Protein backbone atom coordinates (compact mmCIF):
# COMPACT_ATOMS: atom_id res chain seq x y z
CA MET A 1 -44.02 -11.39 22.52
CA LEU A 2 -45.56 -13.60 24.87
CA ASN A 3 -43.28 -16.43 26.37
CA ARG A 4 -45.14 -19.55 25.16
CA ASN A 5 -45.13 -21.88 27.92
CA LEU A 6 -47.51 -23.75 30.16
CA TYR A 7 -47.73 -21.11 32.85
CA THR A 8 -48.64 -18.35 30.15
CA TRP A 9 -51.34 -20.11 28.37
CA THR A 10 -52.92 -21.48 31.50
CA GLY A 11 -52.91 -18.02 32.65
CA LEU A 12 -54.38 -16.61 29.77
CA GLY A 13 -57.18 -19.29 29.85
CA LEU A 14 -57.83 -18.38 33.48
CA LEU A 15 -58.10 -14.78 32.75
CA VAL A 16 -60.72 -15.09 29.94
CA ALA A 17 -62.67 -17.52 31.86
CA GLY A 18 -62.66 -15.57 35.19
CA CYS A 19 -63.71 -12.29 33.36
CA LEU A 20 -66.76 -14.33 31.79
CA VAL A 21 -67.73 -16.06 34.82
CA SER A 22 -67.05 -13.06 37.27
CA LEU A 23 -69.08 -10.62 34.94
CA SER A 24 -71.88 -12.93 34.24
CA ALA A 25 -72.32 -13.90 37.76
CA TYR A 26 -72.52 -10.37 39.03
CA PHE A 27 -74.59 -8.44 36.57
CA ILE A 28 -76.74 -11.25 34.98
CA PHE A 29 -77.00 -14.22 37.51
CA LEU A 30 -76.76 -11.90 40.62
CA LEU A 31 -74.67 -15.00 42.36
CA THR A 32 -72.18 -13.82 45.04
CA TRP A 33 -70.64 -17.36 45.30
CA LEU A 34 -69.97 -17.48 41.61
CA THR A 35 -68.78 -14.08 41.46
CA ALA A 36 -66.01 -14.78 44.06
CA LEU A 37 -65.17 -17.99 42.13
CA GLY A 38 -64.51 -15.58 39.11
CA VAL A 39 -62.30 -13.23 40.84
CA ALA A 40 -60.40 -16.22 42.24
CA MET A 41 -59.81 -17.36 38.89
CA LEU A 42 -58.60 -13.75 37.72
CA ILE A 43 -56.25 -13.60 40.74
CA LEU A 44 -54.81 -17.31 39.89
CA SER A 45 -54.35 -15.99 36.16
CA LEU A 46 -52.46 -13.09 37.25
CA ILE A 47 -49.91 -15.28 39.29
CA LEU A 48 -49.60 -17.82 36.74
CA LEU A 49 -48.89 -15.06 33.95
CA ALA A 50 -46.22 -13.57 36.51
CA LEU A 51 -44.62 -16.97 36.48
CA GLY A 52 -44.55 -17.26 32.96
CA VAL A 53 -42.48 -14.07 32.58
CA THR A 54 -40.11 -14.68 35.30
CA ARG A 55 -39.51 -18.52 33.80
CA PRO A 56 -35.72 -18.56 32.78
CA LYS A 57 -35.22 -18.71 28.95
CA LEU A 58 -32.82 -21.81 29.52
CA PRO A 59 -33.64 -24.63 31.85
CA PRO A 60 -30.99 -24.98 34.64
CA GLU A 61 -29.76 -28.24 32.95
CA VAL A 62 -28.86 -26.51 29.89
CA GLY A 63 -26.59 -24.08 31.92
CA SER A 64 -25.01 -26.83 33.71
CA LEU A 65 -24.24 -28.72 30.50
CA LEU A 66 -22.41 -25.52 28.95
CA LEU A 67 -20.83 -25.10 32.27
CA GLU A 68 -19.29 -28.67 32.16
CA THR A 69 -18.41 -28.49 28.53
CA GLY A 70 -16.49 -25.12 29.01
CA ILE A 71 -14.57 -26.71 32.18
CA ASP A 72 -13.76 -29.85 30.47
CA ASN A 73 -12.47 -28.04 27.14
CA ILE A 74 -10.05 -25.73 29.48
CA ALA A 75 -9.14 -29.16 31.66
CA THR A 76 -8.01 -30.65 28.34
CA ILE A 77 -5.84 -27.77 27.05
CA VAL A 78 -4.32 -27.28 30.56
CA GLU A 79 -3.57 -30.97 31.26
CA GLU A 80 -2.24 -31.46 27.65
CA LEU A 81 0.05 -28.56 28.23
CA GLY A 82 1.19 -29.93 31.62
CA ILE A 83 0.43 -26.68 33.48
CA LYS A 84 0.77 -26.49 37.36
CA ALA A 85 0.65 -22.75 37.98
CA LYS A 86 -2.18 -21.27 39.84
CA ALA A 87 -4.31 -18.94 37.92
CA ILE A 88 -4.41 -15.05 38.68
CA TYR A 89 -7.68 -13.40 38.20
CA PHE A 90 -7.38 -9.99 36.45
CA PRO A 91 -10.04 -7.16 36.71
CA SER A 92 -11.70 -5.83 33.66
CA SER A 93 -9.33 -2.71 33.74
CA LEU A 94 -6.41 -5.20 32.66
CA THR A 95 -8.08 -7.35 30.50
CA SER A 96 -9.83 -5.34 27.58
CA GLY A 97 -13.27 -4.91 29.32
CA ARG A 98 -14.16 -8.08 31.11
CA PRO A 99 -12.53 -9.84 33.90
CA GLN A 100 -10.47 -12.99 32.82
CA ALA A 101 -7.85 -15.39 34.59
CA LEU A 102 -4.32 -15.60 33.31
CA ILE A 103 -2.77 -19.17 33.53
CA PRO A 104 1.10 -18.76 33.51
CA LEU A 105 2.70 -21.44 31.40
CA HIS A 106 5.76 -21.47 33.91
CA SER A 107 5.62 -21.08 37.69
CA ASN A 108 7.22 -17.87 38.32
CA PRO A 109 7.94 -16.94 41.90
CA SER A 110 6.32 -13.43 41.60
CA LEU A 111 4.14 -11.58 39.16
CA PRO A 112 5.59 -8.79 37.32
CA ALA A 113 3.92 -5.25 37.67
CA ILE A 114 1.25 -5.02 34.94
CA SER A 115 0.86 -1.57 33.63
CA ARG A 116 -0.92 -2.06 30.25
CA THR A 117 -3.96 -3.81 29.43
CA LEU A 118 -3.63 -7.31 28.21
CA PRO A 119 -4.69 -8.26 24.57
CA ARG A 120 -7.73 -10.31 23.87
CA ARG A 121 -5.86 -13.18 22.95
CA LEU A 122 -5.74 -17.02 24.21
CA ILE A 123 -1.80 -16.71 24.70
CA VAL A 124 -0.49 -13.63 25.95
CA LYS A 125 2.85 -12.21 27.10
CA TYR A 126 2.32 -10.13 30.37
CA GLY A 127 5.96 -9.30 31.43
CA ALA A 128 9.30 -8.47 30.07
CA ASN A 129 11.02 -11.90 30.95
CA PRO A 130 10.65 -14.59 28.13
CA ASP A 131 8.96 -17.02 30.58
CA ASP A 132 6.24 -14.42 31.13
CA ILE A 133 3.70 -16.24 28.88
CA GLY A 134 0.37 -17.30 29.91
CA LEU A 135 -3.22 -18.60 28.82
CA LEU A 136 -5.80 -15.80 29.16
CA VAL A 137 -9.10 -17.60 29.72
CA THR A 138 -12.72 -16.95 30.34
CA THR A 139 -14.22 -18.52 33.53
CA THR A 140 -17.57 -18.76 35.43
CA GLY A 141 -16.60 -15.55 37.11
CA THR A 142 -16.35 -13.50 33.84
CA THR A 143 -19.95 -14.28 33.15
CA ALA A 144 -21.06 -13.86 36.76
CA ILE A 145 -19.67 -10.43 37.27
CA GLY A 146 -22.43 -9.35 34.33
CA MET A 147 -25.05 -10.41 36.82
CA LEU A 148 -24.04 -7.93 39.33
CA GLU A 149 -26.12 -4.64 39.61
CA GLN A 150 -22.93 -2.50 40.16
CA ARG A 151 -19.20 -2.91 40.57
CA PRO A 152 -18.62 -3.74 44.37
CA GLY A 153 -16.22 -1.49 46.79
CA SER A 154 -13.04 -2.70 48.01
CA THR A 155 -14.38 -3.25 51.61
CA SER A 156 -15.14 -6.82 53.09
CA ALA A 157 -18.93 -5.54 53.84
CA GLU A 158 -19.20 -4.62 50.22
CA LEU A 159 -17.84 -7.75 48.70
CA GLU A 160 -19.83 -10.01 51.28
CA SER A 161 -22.86 -8.28 49.83
CA ALA A 162 -22.07 -8.90 46.32
CA LEU A 163 -21.56 -12.46 46.87
CA ASN A 164 -24.51 -12.76 48.73
CA PHE A 165 -26.58 -11.22 46.03
CA LEU A 166 -24.95 -13.32 43.28
CA PHE A 167 -24.78 -16.77 45.26
CA MET A 168 -28.10 -16.59 47.03
CA ALA A 169 -30.63 -14.00 45.15
CA THR A 170 -29.29 -14.61 41.49
CA LEU A 171 -27.75 -18.03 41.29
CA GLY A 172 -29.42 -19.78 44.19
CA VAL A 173 -26.06 -21.91 44.80
CA ALA A 174 -25.61 -21.26 48.51
CA ASP A 175 -27.39 -20.16 51.79
CA GLY A 176 -25.12 -17.31 52.68
CA THR A 177 -21.58 -15.64 52.66
CA LYS A 178 -19.20 -14.05 55.23
CA VAL A 179 -16.29 -12.28 54.19
CA THR A 180 -13.14 -11.07 56.18
CA TYR A 181 -10.28 -9.15 54.96
CA ARG A 182 -6.76 -8.66 56.37
CA GLU A 183 -3.51 -7.78 55.16
CA ASN A 184 -4.39 -8.24 51.32
CA HIS A 185 -5.86 -11.67 52.42
CA ILE A 186 -9.76 -12.38 51.80
CA ARG A 187 -11.38 -15.27 53.53
CA VAL A 188 -14.57 -16.11 52.03
CA GLU A 189 -17.11 -18.72 54.11
CA ILE A 190 -19.88 -20.10 52.03
CA ARG A 191 -22.81 -21.73 53.88
CA ASN A 192 -24.35 -24.83 52.19
CA PRO A 193 -22.90 -24.65 48.76
CA ARG A 194 -24.60 -26.79 46.15
CA ILE A 195 -22.14 -26.86 43.53
CA GLU A 196 -19.82 -29.79 43.41
CA ASN A 197 -16.12 -29.44 43.19
CA LYS A 198 -14.55 -32.12 40.91
CA ASN A 199 -10.83 -32.58 41.48
CA THR A 200 -9.78 -32.04 37.77
CA TRP A 201 -6.47 -30.50 36.56
CA SER A 202 -8.27 -27.22 35.55
CA HIS A 203 -9.73 -27.12 39.60
CA GLN A 204 -5.93 -27.33 40.77
CA CYS A 205 -5.24 -24.23 38.32
CA LEU A 206 -8.31 -22.35 38.07
CA GLY A 207 -10.00 -23.41 41.25
CA GLY A 208 -14.04 -24.54 41.82
CA PRO A 209 -16.75 -22.74 40.22
CA LEU A 210 -17.47 -20.68 43.42
CA ALA A 211 -13.96 -19.88 44.29
CA SER A 212 -13.61 -18.77 40.54
CA MET A 213 -16.55 -16.23 40.90
CA ALA A 214 -15.32 -15.08 44.34
CA ALA A 215 -11.87 -14.34 43.00
CA SER A 216 -13.33 -12.66 39.85
CA VAL A 217 -15.63 -10.23 42.17
CA ALA A 218 -12.82 -9.52 44.42
CA ALA A 219 -10.46 -8.78 41.73
CA GLU A 220 -13.01 -6.40 40.01
CA ALA A 221 -13.77 -4.96 43.71
CA TRP A 222 -10.01 -4.16 44.36
CA ASP A 223 -9.04 -3.52 40.66
CA ARG A 224 -6.19 -5.60 41.29
CA PRO A 225 -5.09 -9.17 40.30
CA VAL A 226 -6.50 -11.82 42.84
CA THR A 227 -5.16 -15.56 43.11
CA ILE A 228 -6.80 -18.23 45.13
CA LYS A 229 -4.58 -19.53 47.65
CA GLN A 230 -6.60 -22.28 49.45
CA GLU A 231 -9.98 -24.17 49.39
CA GLU A 232 -11.44 -26.39 51.74
CA GLN A 233 -14.99 -27.77 52.45
CA HIS A 234 -16.27 -29.40 55.57
CA GLN A 235 -19.47 -29.41 57.84
CA GLY A 236 -21.42 -27.94 55.26
CA LYS A 237 -19.31 -24.86 54.56
CA TYR A 238 -16.98 -23.97 52.03
CA PHE A 239 -13.86 -22.03 52.76
CA ILE A 240 -11.94 -19.90 50.42
CA GLU A 241 -8.68 -17.95 50.79
CA LEU A 242 -7.73 -15.25 48.39
CA GLU A 243 -4.54 -12.93 48.17
CA VAL A 244 -4.96 -9.56 46.52
CA LEU A 245 -1.64 -9.07 44.57
CA ALA A 246 0.34 -5.56 44.25
């Protein structure tokens, strides 16, 4: 079924008109300049039809609205519960098939070893201690993982390639990414980010949208939990420090 938008209908109109003009000019009127005009109309029609096919189903404004709504809902829950602990990003192997973030209800000094898959629920128990309870939430990184062509490998070069594909080629929210890895610490440098970070309560727990996506991709690449240690932005660059947990 054709995507009914302005590009498609204009392209179809030019395609029909270009065929009529070029054929009649070449075989009937024998006019070279009119034939060239018809061919130009055909070329332009193909360009417009291609633009119509590649046009996103949802406008960017709709995606921004859905993102802000989801973040506001999570922020309300986190703020009402008074949670101050940093979120821990888990790979899909530990969260029933899709990467998610665990927000501990209590600020525990260390994360217990998790050997079993967490249930797909909002409130989950992740350890043996009574205080090992948290909120398992979906983040922007959960959806972003699905945009990657394949799971990245556990090297800085492969993670950098995956983030460049995600931030530049797919989402267009940055001009480039540089990744360095040392002793379970990942430093991500993003050039010219185009997503604004709001200083909300949920931001303190989950990090900004770009940091959330970077943490989710890193957790999936290393197949281990990841937490956001620090974020800072200056001179047109956004720096994220991640820690890969044992």
